[in-house]
PDB file of all heavy atoms in Angstrom:
ATOM      1  N   ALA A   1      50.982 102.439-146.222  1.00  0.00           N
ATOM      2  CA  ALA A   1      50.780 103.662-147.006  1.00  0.00           C
ATOM      3  C   ALA A   1      52.072 104.030-147.720  1.00  0.00           C
ATOM      4  O   ALA A   1      52.071 104.423-148.871  1.00  0.00           O
ATOM      5  CB  ALA A   1      50.308 104.800-146.111  1.00  0.00           C
ATOM      6  N   GLY A   2      53.212 103.875-147.037  1.00  0.00           N
ATOM      7  CA  GLY A   2      54.492 104.158-147.667  1.00  0.00           C
ATOM      8  C   GLY A   2      54.799 103.156-148.762  1.00  0.00           C
ATOM      9  O   GLY A   2      55.400 103.490-149.765  1.00  0.00           O
ATOM     10  N   ALA A   3      54.357 101.925-148.608  1.00  0.00           N
ATOM     11  CA  ALA A   3      54.620 100.888-149.598  1.00  0.00           C
ATOM     12  C   ALA A   3      53.849 101.129-150.887  1.00  0.00           C
ATOM     13  O   ALA A   3      54.175 100.574-151.918  1.00  0.00           O
ATOM     14  CB  ALA A   3      54.262  99.521-149.027  1.00  0.00           C
ATOM     15  N   GLN A   4      52.816 101.969-150.847  1.00  0.00           N
ATOM     16  CA  GLN A   4      52.027 102.230-152.043  1.00  0.00           C
ATOM     17  C   GLN A   4      52.718 103.183-153.006  1.00  0.00           C
ATOM     18  O   GLN A   4      52.271 103.355-154.117  1.00  0.00           O
ATOM     19  CB  GLN A   4      50.662 102.797-151.666  1.00  0.00           C
ATOM     20  CG  GLN A   4      49.768 101.797-151.004  1.00  0.00           C
ATOM     21  CD  GLN A   4      48.441 102.408-150.642  1.00  0.00           C
ATOM     22  OE1 GLN A   4      48.154 103.550-150.954  1.00  0.00           O
ATOM     23  NE2 GLN A   4      47.613 101.644-149.974  1.00  0.00           N
ATOM     24  N   ALA A   5      53.778 103.830-152.569  1.00  0.00           N
ATOM     25  CA  ALA A   5      54.458 104.769-153.447  1.00  0.00           C
ATOM     26  C   ALA A   5      54.893 104.034-154.716  1.00  0.00           C
ATOM     27  O   ALA A   5      55.493 102.977-154.660  1.00  0.00           O
ATOM     28  CB  ALA A   5      55.650 105.378-152.748  1.00  0.00           C
ATOM     29  N   GLN A   6      54.553 104.611-155.838  1.00  0.00           N
ATOM     30  CA  GLN A   6      54.857 103.977-157.111  1.00  0.00           C
ATOM     31  C   GLN A   6      56.130 104.560-157.706  1.00  0.00           C
ATOM     32  O   GLN A   6      56.649 105.570-157.246  1.00  0.00           O
ATOM     33  CB  GLN A   6      53.703 104.184-158.089  1.00  0.00           C
ATOM     34  CG  GLN A   6      52.433 103.500-157.657  1.00  0.00           C
ATOM     35  CD  GLN A   6      51.311 103.736-158.645  1.00  0.00           C
ATOM     36  OE1 GLN A   6      51.421 104.541-159.547  1.00  0.00           O
ATOM     37  NE2 GLN A   6      50.231 103.036-158.473  1.00  0.00           N
ATOM     38  N   VAL A   7      56.586 103.940-158.764  1.00  0.00           N
ATOM     39  CA  VAL A   7      57.713 104.470-159.502  1.00  0.00           C
ATOM     40  C   VAL A   7      57.308 105.793-160.128  1.00  0.00           C
ATOM     41  O   VAL A   7      56.142 106.163-160.135  1.00  0.00           O
ATOM     42  CB  VAL A   7      58.171 103.461-160.583  1.00  0.00           C
ATOM     43  CG1 VAL A   7      58.736 102.216-159.957  1.00  0.00           C
ATOM     44  CG2 VAL A   7      57.049 103.114-161.518  1.00  0.00           C
ATOM     45  N   GLU A   8      58.243 106.493-160.682  1.00  0.00           N
ATOM     46  CA  GLU A   8      57.986 107.835-161.176  1.00  0.00           C
ATOM     47  C   GLU A   8      57.010 107.865-162.339  1.00  0.00           C
ATOM     48  O   GLU A   8      56.300 108.832-162.517  1.00  0.00           O
ATOM     49  CB  GLU A   8      59.301 108.492-161.562  1.00  0.00           C
ATOM     50  CG  GLU A   8      60.214 108.696-160.356  1.00  0.00           C
ATOM     51  CD  GLU A   8      61.609 109.129-160.736  1.00  0.00           C
ATOM     52  OE1 GLU A   8      61.940 109.111-161.929  1.00  0.00           O
ATOM     53  OE2 GLU A   8      62.373 109.479-159.832  1.00  0.00           O
ATOM     54  N   ASP A   9      56.967 106.836-163.163  1.00  0.00           N
ATOM     55  CA  ASP A   9      56.059 106.788-164.301  1.00  0.00           C
ATOM     56  C   ASP A   9      54.918 105.820-164.016  1.00  0.00           C
ATOM     57  O   ASP A   9      55.044 104.912-163.205  1.00  0.00           O
ATOM     58  CB  ASP A   9      56.786 106.319-165.563  1.00  0.00           C
ATOM     59  CG  ASP A   9      57.930 107.237-165.959  1.00  0.00           C
ATOM     60  OD1 ASP A   9      57.906 108.413-165.556  1.00  0.00           O
ATOM     61  OD2 ASP A   9      58.841 106.770-166.652  1.00  0.00           O
ATOM     62  N   TRP A  10      53.794 106.017-164.688  1.00  0.00           N
ATOM     63  CA  TRP A  10      52.663 105.091-164.606  1.00  0.00           C
ATOM     64  C   TRP A  10      52.541 104.430-165.968  1.00  0.00           C
ATOM     65  O   TRP A  10      52.688 105.077-167.008  1.00  0.00           O
ATOM     66  CB  TRP A  10      51.373 105.839-164.278  1.00  0.00           C
ATOM     67  CG  TRP A  10      50.157 104.976-164.427  1.00  0.00           C
ATOM     68  CD1 TRP A  10      49.599 104.190-163.456  1.00  0.00           C
ATOM     69  CD2 TRP A  10      49.376 104.765-165.602  1.00  0.00           C
ATOM     70  NE1 TRP A  10      48.523 103.513-163.965  1.00  0.00           N
ATOM     71  CE2 TRP A  10      48.364 103.852-165.290  1.00  0.00           C
ATOM     72  CE3 TRP A  10      49.441 105.254-166.913  1.00  0.00           C
ATOM     73  CZ2 TRP A  10      47.427 103.422-166.213  1.00  0.00           C
ATOM     74  CZ3 TRP A  10      48.510 104.829-167.831  1.00  0.00           C
ATOM     75  CH2 TRP A  10      47.519 103.922-167.478  1.00  0.00           C
ATOM     76  N   GLN A  11      52.259 103.124-165.982  1.00  0.00           N
ATOM     77  CA  GLN A  11      52.045 102.448-167.260  1.00  0.00           C
ATOM     78  C   GLN A  11      51.092 101.278-167.096  1.00  0.00           C
ATOM     79  O   GLN A  11      50.928 100.740-166.011  1.00  0.00           O
ATOM     80  CB  GLN A  11      53.354 101.999-167.886  1.00  0.00           C
ATOM     81  CG  GLN A  11      54.142 101.004-167.073  1.00  0.00           C
ATOM     82  CD  GLN A  11      55.501 100.722-167.709  1.00  0.00           C
ATOM     83  OE1 GLN A  11      55.763 101.112-168.836  1.00  0.00           O
ATOM     84  NE2 GLN A  11      56.357 100.043-166.986  1.00  0.00           N
ATOM     85  N   SER A  12      50.460 100.927-168.202  1.00  0.00           N
ATOM     86  CA  SER A  12      49.531  99.805-168.194  1.00  0.00           C
ATOM     87  C   SER A  12      49.573  99.116-169.543  1.00  0.00           C
ATOM     88  O   SER A  12      49.596  99.769-170.591  1.00  0.00           O
ATOM     89  CB  SER A  12      48.114 100.305-167.926  1.00  0.00           C
ATOM     90  OG  SER A  12      47.193  99.230-167.973  1.00  0.00           O
ATOM     91  N   ASN A  13      49.593  97.783-169.509  1.00  0.00           N
ATOM     92  CA  ASN A  13      49.389  97.032-170.742  1.00  0.00           C
ATOM     93  C   ASN A  13      47.936  97.238-171.140  1.00  0.00           C
ATOM     94  O   ASN A  13      47.043  97.168-170.292  1.00  0.00           O
ATOM     95  CB  ASN A  13      49.632  95.535-170.530  1.00  0.00           C
ATOM     96  CG  ASN A  13      51.091  95.218-170.323  1.00  0.00           C
ATOM     97  OD1 ASN A  13      51.965  95.914-170.809  1.00  0.00           O
ATOM     98  ND2 ASN A  13      51.359  94.175-169.577  1.00  0.00           N
ATOM     99  N   VAL A  14      47.680  97.462-172.409  1.00  0.00           N
ATOM    100  CA  VAL A  14      46.303  97.648-172.862  1.00  0.00           C
ATOM    101  C   VAL A  14      45.474  96.402-172.570  1.00  0.00           C
ATOM    102  O   VAL A  14      44.286  96.492-172.278  1.00  0.00           O
ATOM    103  CB  VAL A  14      46.256  98.043-174.356  1.00  0.00           C
ATOM    104  CG1 VAL A  14      44.837  98.151-174.856  1.00  0.00           C
ATOM    105  CG2 VAL A  14      46.990  99.374-174.571  1.00  0.00           C
ATOM    106  N   SER A  15      46.113  95.246-172.562  1.00  0.00           N
ATOM    107  CA  SER A  15      45.385  94.008-172.277  1.00  0.00           C
ATOM    108  C   SER A  15      44.814  93.979-170.861  1.00  0.00           C
ATOM    109  O   SER A  15      43.889  93.218-170.582  1.00  0.00           O
ATOM    110  CB  SER A  15      46.289  92.800-172.497  1.00  0.00           C
ATOM    111  OG  SER A  15      47.417  92.859-171.639  1.00  0.00           O
ATOM    112  N   SER A  16      45.315  94.806-169.958  1.00  0.00           N
ATOM    113  CA  SER A  16      44.778  94.850-168.594  1.00  0.00           C
ATOM    114  C   SER A  16      43.756  95.968-168.415  1.00  0.00           C
ATOM    115  O   SER A  16      43.214  96.138-167.325  1.00  0.00           O
ATOM    116  CB  SER A  16      45.908  95.004-167.574  1.00  0.00           C
ATOM    117  OG  SER A  16      46.541  96.256-167.727  1.00  0.00           O
ATOM    118  N   CYS A  17      43.471  96.711-169.462  1.00  0.00           N
ATOM    119  CA  CYS A  17      42.468  97.768-169.408  1.00  0.00           C
ATOM    120  C   CYS A  17      41.071  97.168-169.625  1.00  0.00           C
ATOM    121  O   CYS A  17      40.945  96.014-170.013  1.00  0.00           O
ATOM    122  CB  CYS A  17      42.764  98.827-170.469  1.00  0.00           C
ATOM    123  SG  CYS A  17      44.366  99.660-170.188  1.00  0.00           S
ATOM    124  N   VAL A  18      40.046  97.958-169.395  1.00  0.00           N
ATOM    125  CA  VAL A  18      38.673  97.466-169.438  1.00  0.00           C
ATOM    126  C   VAL A  18      38.086  97.630-170.842  1.00  0.00           C
ATOM    127  O   VAL A  18      38.070  98.736-171.373  1.00  0.00           O
ATOM    128  CB  VAL A  18      37.798  98.240-168.427  1.00  0.00           C
ATOM    129  CG1 VAL A  18      36.360  97.770-168.484  1.00  0.00           C
ATOM    130  CG2 VAL A  18      38.355  98.091-167.027  1.00  0.00           C
ATOM    131  N   PRO A  19      37.592  96.545-171.449  1.00  0.00           N
ATOM    132  CA  PRO A  19      36.911  96.662-172.744  1.00  0.00           C
ATOM    133  C   PRO A  19      35.665  97.542-172.577  1.00  0.00           C
ATOM    134  O   PRO A  19      34.907  97.375-171.626  1.00  0.00           O
ATOM    135  CB  PRO A  19      36.525  95.233-173.098  1.00  0.00           C
ATOM    136  CG  PRO A  19      37.392  94.368-172.240  1.00  0.00           C
ATOM    137  CD  PRO A  19      37.673  95.152-171.005  1.00  0.00           C
ATOM    138  N   ALA A  20      35.462  98.474-173.509  1.00  0.00           N
ATOM    139  CA  ALA A  20      34.382  99.451-173.363  1.00  0.00           C
ATOM    140  C   ALA A  20      33.014  98.933-173.779  1.00  0.00           C
ATOM    141  O   ALA A  20      32.008  99.527-173.437  1.00  0.00           O
ATOM    142  CB  ALA A  20      34.717 100.715-174.165  1.00  0.00           C
ATOM    143  N   ASN A  21      32.972  97.835-174.522  1.00  0.00           N
ATOM    144  CA  ASN A  21      31.682  97.313-174.982  1.00  0.00           C
ATOM    145  C   ASN A  21      31.808  95.816-175.270  1.00  0.00           C
ATOM    146  O   ASN A  21      32.901  95.255-175.243  1.00  0.00           O
ATOM    147  CB  ASN A  21      31.202  98.089-176.228  1.00  0.00           C
ATOM    148  CG  ASN A  21      32.254  98.125-177.317  1.00  0.00           C
ATOM    149  OD1 ASN A  21      32.890  97.128-177.620  1.00  0.00           O
ATOM    150  ND2 ASN A  21      32.447  99.304-177.912  1.00  0.00           N
ATOM    151  N   ALA A  22      30.673  95.185-175.543  1.00  0.00           N
ATOM    152  CA  ALA A  22      30.651  93.738-175.774  1.00  0.00           C
ATOM    153  C   ALA A  22      31.444  93.360-177.025  1.00  0.00           C
ATOM    154  O   ALA A  22      32.112  92.320-177.049  1.00  0.00           O
ATOM    155  CB  ALA A  22      29.211  93.238-175.891  1.00  0.00           C
ATOM    156  N   TYR A  23      31.393  94.201-178.067  1.00  0.00           N
ATOM    157  CA  TYR A  23      32.148  93.891-179.283  1.00  0.00           C
ATOM    158  C   TYR A  23      33.649  93.820-178.975  1.00  0.00           C
ATOM    159  O   TYR A  23      34.340  92.885-179.385  1.00  0.00           O
ATOM    160  CB  TYR A  23      31.888  94.934-180.381  1.00  0.00           C
ATOM    161  CG  TYR A  23      32.787  94.696-181.574  1.00  0.00           C
ATOM    162  CD1 TYR A  23      32.507  93.658-182.463  1.00  0.00           C
ATOM    163  CD2 TYR A  23      33.938  95.451-181.768  1.00  0.00           C
ATOM    164  CE1 TYR A  23      33.362  93.392-183.526  1.00  0.00           C
ATOM    165  CE2 TYR A  23      34.785  95.189-182.830  1.00  0.00           C
ATOM    166  CZ  TYR A  23      34.493  94.163-183.706  1.00  0.00           C
ATOM    167  OH  TYR A  23      35.336  93.895-184.750  1.00  0.00           O
ATOM    168  N   THR A  24      34.153  94.807-178.239  1.00  0.00           N
ATOM    169  CA  THR A  24      35.575  94.822-177.889  1.00  0.00           C
ATOM    170  C   THR A  24      35.938  93.593-177.065  1.00  0.00           C
ATOM    171  O   THR A  24      36.968  92.960-177.287  1.00  0.00           O
ATOM    172  CB  THR A  24      35.921  96.108-177.115  1.00  0.00           C
ATOM    173  OG1 THR A  24      35.634  97.235-177.955  1.00  0.00           O
ATOM    174  CG2 THR A  24      37.371  96.150-176.697  1.00  0.00           C
ATOM    175  N   LEU A  25      35.079  93.244-176.128  1.00  0.00           N
ATOM    176  CA  LEU A  25      35.324  92.080-175.279  1.00  0.00           C
ATOM    177  C   LEU A  25      35.393  90.797-176.108  1.00  0.00           C
ATOM    178  O   LEU A  25      36.269  89.956-175.908  1.00  0.00           O
ATOM    179  CB  LEU A  25      34.222  91.960-174.224  1.00  0.00           C
ATOM    180  CG  LEU A  25      34.338  90.818-173.235  1.00  0.00           C
ATOM    181  CD1 LEU A  25      35.598  90.942-172.398  1.00  0.00           C
ATOM    182  CD2 LEU A  25      33.115  90.765-172.341  1.00  0.00           C
ATOM    183  N   ASN A  26      34.499  90.658-177.078  1.00  0.00           N
ATOM    184  CA  ASN A  26      34.422  89.431-177.879  1.00  0.00           C
ATOM    185  C   ASN A  26      35.408  89.396-179.046  1.00  0.00           C
ATOM    186  O   ASN A  26      35.930  88.337-179.377  1.00  0.00           O
ATOM    187  CB  ASN A  26      33.000  89.244-178.413  1.00  0.00           C
ATOM    188  CG  ASN A  26      32.020  88.966-177.299  1.00  0.00           C
ATOM    189  OD1 ASN A  26      32.352  88.328-176.314  1.00  0.00           O
ATOM    190  ND2 ASN A  26      30.806  89.480-177.436  1.00  0.00           N
ATOM    191  N   ALA A  27      35.661  90.540-179.686  1.00  0.00           N
ATOM    192  CA  ALA A  27      36.466  90.550-180.910  1.00  0.00           C
ATOM    193  C   ALA A  27      37.957  90.748-180.653  1.00  0.00           C
ATOM    194  O   ALA A  27      38.783  90.303-181.438  1.00  0.00           O
ATOM    195  CB  ALA A  27      35.958  91.631-181.863  1.00  0.00           C
ATOM    196  N   GLY A  28      38.303  91.434-179.567  1.00  0.00           N
ATOM    197  CA  GLY A  28      39.710  91.688-179.291  1.00  0.00           C
ATOM    198  C   GLY A  28      40.407  90.427-178.826  1.00  0.00           C
ATOM    199  O   GLY A  28      39.913  89.709-177.972  1.00  0.00           O
ATOM    200  N   GLN A  29      41.557  90.156-179.405  1.00  0.00           N
ATOM    201  CA  GLN A  29      42.328  88.981-179.012  1.00  0.00           C
ATOM    202  C   GLN A  29      43.421  89.444-178.047  1.00  0.00           C
ATOM    203  O   GLN A  29      44.258  90.277-178.388  1.00  0.00           O
ATOM    204  CB  GLN A  29      42.961  88.310-180.223  1.00  0.00           C
ATOM    205  CG  GLN A  29      43.753  87.076-179.863  1.00  0.00           C
ATOM    206  CD  GLN A  29      44.417  86.440-181.077  1.00  0.00           C
ATOM    207  OE1 GLN A  29      44.485  87.024-182.145  1.00  0.00           O
ATOM    208  NE2 GLN A  29      44.919  85.235-180.888  1.00  0.00           N
ATOM    209  N   VAL A  30      43.402  88.914-176.838  1.00  0.00           N
ATOM    210  CA  VAL A  30      44.424  89.241-175.845  1.00  0.00           C
ATOM    211  C   VAL A  30      45.571  88.249-175.985  1.00  0.00           C
ATOM    212  O   VAL A  30      45.370  87.042-175.887  1.00  0.00           O
ATOM    213  CB  VAL A  30      43.846  89.194-174.414  1.00  0.00           C
ATOM    214  CG1 VAL A  30      44.934  89.453-173.385  1.00  0.00           C
ATOM    215  CG2 VAL A  30      42.711  90.198-174.260  1.00  0.00           C
ATOM    216  N   ILE A  31      46.751  88.772-176.249  1.00  0.00           N
ATOM    217  CA  ILE A  31      47.955  87.945-176.366  1.00  0.00           C
ATOM    218  C   ILE A  31      48.652  88.000-175.008  1.00  0.00           C
ATOM    219  O   ILE A  31      49.357  88.956-174.694  1.00  0.00           O
ATOM    220  CB  ILE A  31      48.885  88.450-177.491  1.00  0.00           C
ATOM    221  CG1 ILE A  31      48.111  88.641-178.793  1.00  0.00           C
ATOM    222  CG2 ILE A  31      50.073  87.510-177.659  1.00  0.00           C
ATOM    223  CD1 ILE A  31      47.423  87.409-179.321  1.00  0.00           C
ATOM    224  N   ILE A  32      48.414  86.988-174.207  1.00  0.00           N
ATOM    225  CA  ILE A  32      48.876  86.988-172.823  1.00  0.00           C
ATOM    226  C   ILE A  32      50.398  87.040-172.739  1.00  0.00           C
ATOM    227  O   ILE A  32      50.953  87.823-171.971  1.00  0.00           O
ATOM    228  CB  ILE A  32      48.317  85.771-172.066  1.00  0.00           C
ATOM    229  CG1 ILE A  32      46.798  85.889-171.983  1.00  0.00           C
ATOM    230  CG2 ILE A  32      48.927  85.653-170.682  1.00  0.00           C
ATOM    231  CD1 ILE A  32      46.101  84.666-171.469  1.00  0.00           C
ATOM    232  N   ALA A  33      51.076  86.242-173.533  1.00  0.00           N
ATOM    233  CA  ALA A  33      52.540  86.193-173.465  1.00  0.00           C
ATOM    234  C   ALA A  33      53.166  87.541-173.799  1.00  0.00           C
ATOM    235  O   ALA A  33      54.166  87.926-173.208  1.00  0.00           O
ATOM    236  CB  ALA A  33      53.068  85.117-174.405  1.00  0.00           C
ATOM    237  N   GLY A  34      52.578  88.277-174.717  1.00  0.00           N
ATOM    238  CA  GLY A  34      53.122  89.573-175.100  1.00  0.00           C
ATOM    239  C   GLY A  34      52.498  90.738-174.362  1.00  0.00           C
ATOM    240  O   GLY A  34      52.985  91.860-174.425  1.00  0.00           O
ATOM    241  N   GLY A  35      51.392  90.506-173.667  1.00  0.00           N
ATOM    242  CA  GLY A  35      50.740  91.568-172.914  1.00  0.00           C
ATOM    243  C   GLY A  35      50.129  92.642-173.791  1.00  0.00           C
ATOM    244  O   GLY A  35      50.205  93.826-173.479  1.00  0.00           O
ATOM    245  N   TYR A  36      49.525  92.241-174.908  1.00  0.00           N
ATOM    246  CA  TYR A  36      48.897  93.233-175.782  1.00  0.00           C
ATOM    247  C   TYR A  36      47.591  92.698-176.332  1.00  0.00           C
ATOM    248  O   TYR A  36      47.245  91.536-176.142  1.00  0.00           O
ATOM    249  CB  TYR A  36      49.837  93.648-176.918  1.00  0.00           C
ATOM    250  CG  TYR A  36      50.241  92.547-177.880  1.00  0.00           C
ATOM    251  CD1 TYR A  36      49.511  92.299-179.027  1.00  0.00           C
ATOM    252  CD2 TYR A  36      51.378  91.783-177.651  1.00  0.00           C
ATOM    253  CE1 TYR A  36      49.884  91.300-179.920  1.00  0.00           C
ATOM    254  CE2 TYR A  36      51.770  90.794-178.531  1.00  0.00           C
ATOM    255  CZ  TYR A  36      51.023  90.559-179.666  1.00  0.00           C
ATOM    256  OH  TYR A  36      51.403  89.580-180.538  1.00  0.00           O
ATOM    257  N   VAL A  37      46.854  93.586-177.001  1.00  0.00           N
ATOM    258  CA  VAL A  37      45.606  93.180-177.659  1.00  0.00           C
ATOM    259  C   VAL A  37      45.785  93.333-179.158  1.00  0.00           C
ATOM    260  O   VAL A  37      46.547  94.168-179.633  1.00  0.00           O
ATOM    261  CB  VAL A  37      44.385  94.007-177.175  1.00  0.00           C
ATOM    262  CG1 VAL A  37      44.139  93.768-175.708  1.00  0.00           C
ATOM    263  CG2 VAL A  37      44.546  95.477-177.460  1.00  0.00           C
ATOM    264  N   ARG A  38      45.057  92.491-179.878  1.00  0.00           N
ATOM    265  CA  ARG A  38      45.148  92.498-181.339  1.00  0.00           C
ATOM    266  C   ARG A  38      43.747  92.554-181.906  1.00  0.00           C
ATOM    267  O   ARG A  38      42.859  91.799-181.485  1.00  0.00           O
ATOM    268  CB  ARG A  38      45.895  91.258-181.806  1.00  0.00           C
ATOM    269  CG  ARG A  38      46.130  91.204-183.292  1.00  0.00           C
ATOM    270  CD  ARG A  38      47.157  90.187-183.695  1.00  0.00           C
ATOM    271  NE  ARG A  38      46.845  88.853-183.207  1.00  0.00           N
ATOM    272  CZ  ARG A  38      47.703  87.846-183.230  1.00  0.00           C
ATOM    273  NH1 ARG A  38      48.916  88.000-183.665  1.00  0.00           N
ATOM    274  NH2 ARG A  38      47.340  86.656-182.787  1.00  0.00           N
ATOM    275  N   ALA A  39      43.550  93.428-182.873  1.00  0.00           N
ATOM    276  CA  ALA A  39      42.247  93.594-183.520  1.00  0.00           C
ATOM    277  C   ALA A  39      42.056  92.528-184.597  1.00  0.00           C
ATOM    278  O   ALA A  39      43.032  92.056-185.187  1.00  0.00           O
ATOM    279  CB  ALA A  39      42.152  94.980-184.146  1.00  0.00           C
ATOM    280  N   PRO A  40      40.810  92.166-184.865  1.00  0.00           N
ATOM    281  CA  PRO A  40      40.560  91.239-185.975  1.00  0.00           C
ATOM    282  C   PRO A  40      40.786  91.965-187.301  1.00  0.00           C
ATOM    283  O   PRO A  40      40.872  93.196-187.341  1.00  0.00           O
ATOM    284  CB  PRO A  40      39.093  90.868-185.795  1.00  0.00           C
ATOM    285  CG  PRO A  40      38.500  92.052-185.112  1.00  0.00           C
ATOM    286  CD  PRO A  40      39.566  92.601-184.218  1.00  0.00           C
ATOM    287  N   LEU A  41      40.873  91.189-188.376  1.00  0.00           N
ATOM    288  CA  LEU A  41      40.967  91.821-189.694  1.00  0.00           C
ATOM    289  C   LEU A  41      39.671  92.549-189.982  1.00  0.00           C
ATOM    290  O   LEU A  41      38.589  92.089-189.618  1.00  0.00           O
ATOM    291  CB  LEU A  41      41.263  90.770-190.768  1.00  0.00           C
ATOM    292  CG  LEU A  41      42.636  90.089-190.661  1.00  0.00           C
ATOM    293  CD1 LEU A  41      42.775  89.009-191.724  1.00  0.00           C
ATOM    294  CD2 LEU A  41      43.768  91.097-190.764  1.00  0.00           C
ATOM    295  N   GLY A  42      39.759  93.700-190.659  1.00  0.00           N
ATOM    296  CA  GLY A  42      38.573  94.532-190.895  1.00  0.00           C
ATOM    297  C   GLY A  42      37.989  94.296-192.255  1.00  0.00           C
ATOM    298  O   GLY A  42      38.423  93.417-192.973  1.00  0.00           O
ATOM    299  N   PRO A  43      36.974  95.049-192.600  1.00  0.00           N
ATOM    300  CA  PRO A  43      36.471  96.196-191.842  1.00  0.00           C
ATOM    301  C   PRO A  43      35.549  95.758-190.698  1.00  0.00           C
ATOM    302  O   PRO A  43      34.648  94.954-190.890  1.00  0.00           O
ATOM    303  CB  PRO A  43      35.703  97.002-192.877  1.00  0.00           C
ATOM    304  CG  PRO A  43      35.211  95.983-193.846  1.00  0.00           C
ATOM    305  CD  PRO A  43      36.263  94.897-193.872  1.00  0.00           C
ATOM    306  N   ASN A  44      35.801  96.287-189.538  1.00  0.00           N
ATOM    307  CA  ASN A  44      35.017  96.039-188.335  1.00  0.00           C
ATOM    308  C   ASN A  44      35.025  97.319-187.507  1.00  0.00           C
ATOM    309  O   ASN A  44      35.861  98.193-187.725  1.00  0.00           O
ATOM    310  CB  ASN A  44      35.629  94.901-187.503  1.00  0.00           C
ATOM    311  CG  ASN A  44      35.433  93.545-188.126  1.00  0.00           C
ATOM    312  OD1 ASN A  44      34.314  93.127-188.377  1.00  0.00           O
ATOM    313  ND2 ASN A  44      36.539  92.856-188.397  1.00  0.00           N
ATOM    314  N   PRO A  45      34.144  97.412-186.529  1.00  0.00           N
ATOM    315  CA  PRO A  45      34.218  98.562-185.625  1.00  0.00           C
ATOM    316  C   PRO A  45      35.543  98.535-184.855  1.00  0.00           C
ATOM    317  O   PRO A  45      36.153  97.470-184.712  1.00  0.00           O
ATOM    318  CB  PRO A  45      33.040  98.345-184.664  1.00  0.00           C
ATOM    319  CG  PRO A  45      32.149  97.366-185.341  1.00  0.00           C
ATOM    320  CD  PRO A  45      33.026  96.539-186.225  1.00  0.00           C
ATOM    321  N   PRO A  46      35.995  99.675-184.373  1.00  0.00           N
ATOM    322  CA  PRO A  46      37.229  99.686-183.593  1.00  0.00           C
ATOM    323  C   PRO A  46      37.043  99.018-182.231  1.00  0.00           C
ATOM    324  O   PRO A  46      35.927  98.936-181.714  1.00  0.00           O
ATOM    325  CB  PRO A  46      37.534 101.180-183.424  1.00  0.00           C
ATOM    326  CG  PRO A  46      36.217 101.851-183.576  1.00  0.00           C
ATOM    327  CD  PRO A  46      35.417 101.011-184.526  1.00  0.00           C
TER     328      PRO A  46
END
């Protein structure tokens, strides 16, 4: 229980967050080395 104490701030790479729909899951490009997501060229849904 003591080991669960976190640092003072909370943060998350967006790439580790949950895609909200099938379009996001399929269209979003996860850049593993950089730990981010990249949108396709538009116009497309967000």
